[in-house]
C-alpha atoms as a PDB file:
ATOM      1  CA  MET A   1       5.524  -2.171 -45.339  1.00  0.00           C
ATOM      2  CA  SER A   2       6.179  -2.666 -41.636  1.00  0.00           C
ATOM      3  CA  VAL A   3       8.395  -5.478 -40.443  1.00  0.00           C
ATOM      4  CA  PHE A   4       7.953  -6.849 -36.931  1.00  0.00           C
ATOM      5  CA  SER A   5      11.165  -6.786 -34.970  1.00  0.00           C
ATOM      6  CA  PRO A   6      11.280  -8.764 -31.679  1.00  0.00           C
ATOM      7  CA  GLU A   7      14.432  -6.883 -30.659  1.00  0.00           C
ATOM      8  CA  LEU A   8      12.518  -3.600 -30.607  1.00  0.00           C
ATOM      9  CA  THR A   9       9.714  -4.951 -28.441  1.00  0.00           C
ATOM     10  CA  ALA A  10      12.159  -6.401 -25.913  1.00  0.00           C
ATOM     11  CA  ARG A  11      13.988  -3.118 -25.328  1.00  0.00           C
ATOM     12  CA  GLU A  12      13.331  -1.162 -22.197  1.00  0.00           C
ATOM     13  CA  ALA A  13      13.171   2.564 -21.876  1.00  0.00           C
ATOM     14  CA  THR A  14      14.096   4.424 -18.749  1.00  0.00           C
ATOM     15  CA  VAL A  15      11.870   7.340 -17.875  1.00  0.00           C
ATOM     16  CA  PRO A  16      11.899   9.544 -14.788  1.00  0.00           C
ATOM     17  CA  LEU A  17       9.377   8.468 -12.155  1.00  0.00           C
ATOM     18  CA  ALA A  18       8.168  12.060 -12.043  1.00  0.00           C
ATOM     19  CA  SER A  19       6.768  11.601 -15.548  1.00  0.00           C
ATOM     20  CA  PHE A  20       4.057   9.410 -13.981  1.00  0.00           C
ATOM     21  CA  ILE A  21       2.866  12.272 -11.750  1.00  0.00           C
ATOM     22  CA  LYS A  22       0.145  14.586 -12.961  1.00  0.00           C
ATOM     23  CA  PRO A  23       1.483  18.153 -12.534  1.00  0.00           C
ATOM     24  CA  PHE A  24      -1.379  19.289 -10.310  1.00  0.00           C
ATOM     25  CA  HIS A  25      -0.682  16.355  -7.949  1.00  0.00           C
ATOM     26  CA  ALA A  26       3.072  16.917  -7.527  1.00  0.00           C
ATOM     27  CA  HIS A  27       2.583  18.011  -3.902  1.00  0.00           C
ATOM     28  CA  TYR A  28       1.270  14.478  -3.125  1.00  0.00           C
ATOM     29  CA  PHE A  29       4.824  13.152  -3.545  1.00  0.00           C
ATOM     30  CA  SER A  30       7.058  15.850  -2.002  1.00  0.00           C
ATOM     31  CA  ARG A  31       7.597  14.067   1.341  1.00  0.00           C
ATOM     32  CA  THR A  32       7.091  17.399   3.081  1.00  0.00           C
ATOM     33  CA  VAL A  33       4.257  18.891   5.095  1.00  0.00           C
ATOM     34  CA  GLY A  34       2.043  20.643   2.614  1.00  0.00           C
ATOM     35  CA  THR A  35      -1.481  21.884   2.257  1.00  0.00           C
ATOM     36  CA  PRO A  36      -3.780  20.343   4.872  1.00  0.00           C
ATOM     37  CA  PHE A  37      -6.201  17.817   3.413  1.00  0.00           C
ATOM     38  CA  ARG A  38      -9.104  15.669   4.517  1.00  0.00           C
ATOM     39  CA  LYS A  39      -8.994  13.180   1.629  1.00  0.00           C
ATOM     40  CA  ARG A  40      -6.361  12.432  -0.978  1.00  0.00           C
ATOM     41  CA  LYS A  41      -6.678   9.906  -3.822  1.00  0.00           C
ATOM     42  CA  TYR A  42      -4.287   8.844  -6.555  1.00  0.00           C
ATOM     43  CA  ALA A  43      -4.488   6.179  -9.265  1.00  0.00           C
ATOM     44  CA  PHE A  44      -1.203   4.372  -9.906  1.00  0.00           C
ATOM     45  CA  ALA A  45      -0.312   2.495 -13.064  1.00  0.00           C
ATOM     46  CA  GLY A  46       0.011  -1.199 -12.227  1.00  0.00           C
ATOM     47  CA  LEU A  47       3.788  -1.277 -12.536  1.00  0.00           C
ATOM     48  CA  PRO A  48       5.992  -2.641  -9.726  1.00  0.00           C
ATOM     49  CA  SER A  49       8.681  -0.126 -10.714  1.00  0.00           C
ATOM     50  CA  LEU A  50       6.406   2.660  -9.433  1.00  0.00           C
ATOM     51  CA  MET A  51       6.583   1.498  -5.801  1.00  0.00           C
ATOM     52  CA  PRO A  52       8.973   4.371  -4.921  1.00  0.00           C
ATOM     53  CA  LEU A  53       6.182   6.750  -5.966  1.00  0.00           C
ATOM     54  CA  VAL A  54       3.676   4.815  -3.862  1.00  0.00           C
ATOM     55  CA  ARG A  55       5.957   5.119  -0.842  1.00  0.00           C
ATOM     56  CA  ALA A  56       6.472   8.839  -1.488  1.00  0.00           C
ATOM     57  CA  PHE A  57       2.684   9.317  -1.709  1.00  0.00           C
ATOM     58  CA  LEU A  58       2.122   7.469   1.574  1.00  0.00           C
ATOM     59  CA  ASP A  59       5.005   9.195   3.361  1.00  0.00           C
ATOM     60  CA  THR A  60       3.821  12.619   2.174  1.00  0.00           C
ATOM     61  CA  SER A  61       0.270  11.863   3.299  1.00  0.00           C
ATOM     62  CA  ALA A  62       1.593  11.302   6.834  1.00  0.00           C
ATOM     63  CA  ALA A  63       4.264  14.032   6.659  1.00  0.00           C
ATOM     64  CA  GLU A  64       3.024  15.983   9.663  1.00  0.00           C
ATOM     65  CA  ARG A  65       3.149  12.923  11.929  1.00  0.00           C
ATOM     66  CA  SER A  66       6.019  11.329  13.876  1.00  0.00           C
ATOM     67  CA  LYS A  67       8.809   9.444  12.155  1.00  0.00           C
ATOM     68  CA  ASP A  68       7.435   6.130  13.488  1.00  0.00           C
ATOM     69  CA  TYR A  69       3.918   6.916  12.302  1.00  0.00           C
ATOM     70  CA  ARG A  70       5.142   7.856   8.831  1.00  0.00           C
ATOM     71  CA  TYR A  71       7.200   4.680   8.586  1.00  0.00           C
ATOM     72  CA  LEU A  72       4.402   2.409   9.803  1.00  0.00           C
ATOM     73  CA  PHE A  73       1.727   4.029   7.607  1.00  0.00           C
ATOM     74  CA  THR A  74       4.038   3.744   4.585  1.00  0.00           C
ATOM     75  CA  LEU A  75       4.922   0.118   5.397  1.00  0.00           C
ATOM     76  CA  LEU A  76       1.294  -0.995   5.726  1.00  0.00           C
ATOM     77  CA  GLY A  77       0.182   1.022   2.697  1.00  0.00           C
ATOM     78  CA  SER A  78       2.986  -0.459   0.595  1.00  0.00           C
ATOM     79  CA  GLU A  79       1.729  -3.902   1.551  1.00  0.00           C
ATOM     80  CA  LEU A  80      -1.751  -3.084   0.213  1.00  0.00           C
ATOM     81  CA  ALA A  81      -0.248  -1.745  -3.019  1.00  0.00           C
ATOM     82  CA  ASN A  82       1.972  -4.820  -3.424  1.00  0.00           C
ATOM     83  CA  ASN A  83      -1.069  -7.057  -2.905  1.00  0.00           C
ATOM     84  CA  ALA A  84      -2.940  -5.182  -5.643  1.00  0.00           C
ATOM     85  CA  LEU A  85      -0.026  -5.777  -8.006  1.00  0.00           C
ATOM     86  CA  ALA A  86       0.521  -9.413  -7.063  1.00  0.00           C
ATOM     87  CA  HIS A  87      -3.039 -10.678  -6.770  1.00  0.00           C
ATOM     88  CA  SER A  88      -5.269  -8.536  -8.971  1.00  0.00           C
ATOM     89  CA  ARG A  89      -5.639  -7.526 -12.583  1.00  0.00           C
ATOM     90  CA  SER A  90      -4.233  -4.123 -11.627  1.00  0.00           C
ATOM     91  CA  SER A  91      -0.820  -5.229 -12.902  1.00  0.00           C
ATOM     92  CA  ASP A  92      -2.212  -6.228 -16.313  1.00  0.00           C
ATOM     93  CA  HIS A  93      -1.128  -4.006 -19.202  1.00  0.00           C
ATOM     94  CA  GLY A  94      -2.738  -0.570 -18.944  1.00  0.00           C
ATOM     95  CA  GLN A  95      -4.480  -1.210 -15.604  1.00  0.00           C
ATOM     96  CA  THR A  96      -4.325   0.785 -12.385  1.00  0.00           C
ATOM     97  CA  TYR A  97      -5.113   0.664  -8.688  1.00  0.00           C
ATOM     98  CA  SER A  98      -5.918   3.622  -6.480  1.00  0.00           C
ATOM     99  CA  LEU A  99      -4.955   4.624  -2.975  1.00  0.00           C
ATOM    100  CA  THR A 100      -7.242   6.892  -0.970  1.00  0.00           C
ATOM    101  CA  VAL A 101      -6.115   8.483   2.289  1.00  0.00           C
ATOM    102  CA  ASP A 102      -8.797   9.753   4.677  1.00  0.00           C
ATOM    103  CA  ARG A 103      -7.344  11.856   7.450  1.00  0.00           C
ATOM    104  CA  GLY A 104      -9.494  12.038  10.559  1.00  0.00           C
ATOM    105  CA  ALA A 105      -9.221  13.520  14.019  1.00  0.00           C
ATOM    106  CA  THR A 106      -7.720  10.378  15.579  1.00  0.00           C
ATOM    107  CA  GLY A 107      -5.937   8.664  12.692  1.00  0.00           C
ATOM    108  CA  MET A 108      -5.681   7.950   8.989  1.00  0.00           C
ATOM    109  CA  THR A 109      -7.505   5.361   6.912  1.00  0.00           C
ATOM    110  CA  LEU A 110      -5.998   4.054   3.695  1.00  0.00           C
ATOM    111  CA  THR A 111      -8.116   2.273   1.085  1.00  0.00           C
ATOM    112  CA  CYS A 112      -6.625   0.390  -1.858  1.00  0.00           C
ATOM    113  CA  GLN A 113      -9.001  -0.288  -4.730  1.00  0.00           C
ATOM    114  CA  ASP A 114      -7.810  -2.739  -7.356  1.00  0.00           C
ATOM    115  CA  GLN A 115      -9.115  -4.072 -10.671  1.00  0.00           C
ATOM    116  CA  GLY A 116     -10.380  -7.378  -9.295  1.00  0.00           C
ATOM    117  CA  ALA A 117      -8.967 -10.820  -8.685  1.00  0.00           C
ATOM    118  CA  ARG A 118      -6.650 -12.309 -11.291  1.00  0.00           C
ATOM    119  CA  HIS A 119      -7.976 -15.814 -10.579  1.00  0.00           C
ATOM    120  CA  PRO A 120     -11.518 -16.871  -9.642  1.00  0.00           C
ATOM    121  CA  VAL A 121     -12.171 -16.150  -5.975  1.00  0.00           C
ATOM    122  CA  GLU A 122     -15.325 -16.686  -3.972  1.00  0.00           C
ATOM    123  CA  PRO A 123     -16.969 -13.494  -2.706  1.00  0.00           C
ATOM    124  CA  GLY A 124     -16.244 -12.735   0.915  1.00  0.00           C
ATOM    125  CA  PRO A 125     -13.755 -10.938   3.093  1.00  0.00           C
ATOM    126  CA  PHE A 126     -10.053 -11.657   3.160  1.00  0.00           C
ATOM    127  CA  THR A 127      -8.502 -13.297   6.189  1.00  0.00           C
ATOM    128  CA  ALA A 128      -5.042 -12.752   7.578  1.00  0.00           C
ATOM    129  CA  ALA A 129      -2.671 -15.662   8.091  1.00  0.00           C
ATOM    130  CA  THR A 130      -2.363 -16.920  11.643  1.00  0.00           C
ATOM    131  CA  PRO A 131       1.019 -17.209  13.363  1.00  0.00           C
ATOM    132  CA  GLN A 132       0.666 -21.022  13.163  1.00  0.00           C
ATOM    133  CA  GLU A 133       0.154 -20.891   9.373  1.00  0.00           C
ATOM    134  CA  ILE A 134       3.128 -18.584   8.980  1.00  0.00           C
ATOM    135  CA  GLY A 135       5.286 -20.878  11.123  1.00  0.00           C
ATOM    136  CA  SER A 136       4.293 -23.966   9.146  1.00  0.00           C
ATOM    137  CA  GLY A 137       5.002 -22.320   5.796  1.00  0.00           C
ATOM    138  CA  THR A 138       1.439 -22.871   4.519  1.00  0.00           C
ATOM    139  CA  ALA A 139       0.318 -19.284   4.978  1.00  0.00           C
ATOM    140  CA  LYS A 140      -1.629 -17.221   2.532  1.00  0.00           C
ATOM    141  CA  GLY A 141      -2.232 -13.663   3.637  1.00  0.00           C
ATOM    142  CA  LYS A 142       1.124 -13.034   5.348  1.00  0.00           C
ATOM    143  CA  GLY A 143       1.023  -9.353   4.397  1.00  0.00           C
ATOM    144  CA  LEU A 144      -2.481  -9.085   5.792  1.00  0.00           C
ATOM    145  CA  ALA A 145      -1.168 -10.651   9.006  1.00  0.00           C
ATOM    146  CA  LEU A 146       1.235  -7.720   9.261  1.00  0.00           C
ATOM    147  CA  ILE A 147      -1.643  -5.289   8.749  1.00  0.00           C
ATOM    148  CA  ASP A 148      -3.784  -7.245  11.216  1.00  0.00           C
ATOM    149  CA  ALA A 149      -1.035  -7.041  13.839  1.00  0.00           C
ATOM    150  CA  LEU A 150      -0.127  -3.362  13.431  1.00  0.00           C
ATOM    151  CA  ALA A 151      -3.238  -1.495  12.223  1.00  0.00           C
ATOM    152  CA  ASP A 152      -6.030  -0.631  14.651  1.00  0.00           C
ATOM    153  CA  ARG A 153      -8.557  -2.242  12.329  1.00  0.00           C
ATOM    154  CA  TRP A 154      -8.763  -3.352   8.732  1.00  0.00           C
ATOM    155  CA  GLY A 155     -11.136  -5.014   6.318  1.00  0.00           C
ATOM    156  CA  ASP A 156     -12.325  -5.266   2.751  1.00  0.00           C
ATOM    157  CA  ASN A 157     -15.552  -5.112   0.804  1.00  0.00           C
ATOM    158  CA  GLY A 158     -15.564  -8.846   0.013  1.00  0.00           C
ATOM    159  CA  ASN A 159     -16.078  -8.248  -3.717  1.00  0.00           C
ATOM    160  CA  PRO A 160     -13.378 -10.038  -5.752  1.00  0.00           C
ATOM    161  CA  LYS A 161     -14.378  -8.192  -8.946  1.00  0.00           C
ATOM    162  CA  PHE A 162     -13.980  -4.739  -7.415  1.00  0.00           C
ATOM    163  CA  ARG A 163     -11.867  -5.212  -4.273  1.00  0.00           C
ATOM    164  CA  GLN A 164     -11.317  -2.464  -1.739  1.00  0.00           C
ATOM    165  CA  VAL A 165      -9.019  -3.272   1.171  1.00  0.00           C
ATOM    166  CA  TRP A 166      -8.524  -0.704   3.924  1.00  0.00           C
ATOM    167  CA  PHE A 167      -6.829  -0.170   7.281  1.00  0.00           C
ATOM    168  CA  HIS A 168      -7.024   2.495   9.966  1.00  0.00           C
ATOM    169  CA  LEU A 169      -3.961   3.569  11.914  1.00  0.00           C
ATOM    170  CA  SER A 170      -4.403   5.809  14.968  1.00  0.00           C
ATOM    171  CA  TYR A 171      -2.032   8.726  15.416  1.00  0.00           C
ATOM    172  CA  ASP A 172      -1.346   7.614  18.991  1.00  0.00           C
ATOM    173  CA  LEU A 173       0.949   4.601  18.671  1.00  0.00           C
ATOM    174  CA  THR A 174       1.377   4.174  22.447  1.00  0.00           C
ATOM    175  CA  ASP A 175      -0.517   0.848  22.585  1.00  0.00           C
ATOM    176  CA  ASN A 176       0.521  -0.301  19.111  1.00  0.00           C
ATOM    177  CA  PRO A 177       2.818  -3.363  18.982  1.00  0.00           C
ATOM    178  CA  TRP A 178       5.138  -1.272  16.802  1.00  0.00           C
ATOM    179  CA  SER A 179       5.923   0.978  19.790  1.00  0.00           C
ATOM    180  CA  ARG A 180       7.014  -1.994  21.890  1.00  0.00           C
ATOM    181  CA  ILE A 181       9.760  -3.018  19.439  1.00  0.00           C
ATOM    182  CA  ASP A 182      12.293  -0.414  20.648  1.00  0.00           C
ATOM    183  CA  THR A 183      11.422  -1.149  24.271  1.00  0.00           C
ATOM    184  CA  GLU A 184      11.982  -4.880  23.783  1.00  0.00           C
ATOM    185  CA  GLU A 185      15.330  -4.230  22.045  1.00  0.00           C
ATOM    186  CA  ASP A 186      16.422  -1.978  24.921  1.00  0.00           C
ATOM    187  CA  GLU A 187      15.499  -4.690  27.461  1.00  0.00           C
ATOM    188  CA  VAL A 188      17.520  -7.312  25.558  1.00  0.00           C
ATOM    189  CA  GLU A 189      20.610  -5.089  25.507  1.00  0.00           C
ATOM    190  CA  CYS A 190      20.529  -4.574  29.302  1.00  0.00           C
END
């Protein structure tokens, strides 16, 4: 006879993050320049504690690029992953979301596919918060505003039951607002 014990269900176990990596995909997380690729896809368990793996995947995908590019690609990609966890059924027990990196001649495109909206949502594309909405504290889509400001282009498939949100980031960050941050800091210090 089995006796239910609430104490046992409340316990947490600590496992190495590497145990969530399939052995034949270990090179996706090494944070080093590896085998050249055109497309790379990985499905992540919907657990917030796996965000270090998400960041390692994104950083490794951009490993051959500049430090700024790697940081920016990882920042924007982490935002898509966090949105999948916060706003979709991907964080429900046993669910996943996937990240797909397409590397092209001029930049990289990241697509995040989640398990669909947690709450009823009308079909249609997402919109990013405006600076006025952010300033007033009524904003929804603040993370998308970051993507809107720093990615060359972004969008989604408009399907709340099978959402795919993507952004494209060009390798050349010369005209990207991100590149002006250091310049503006240097001007302030003068």
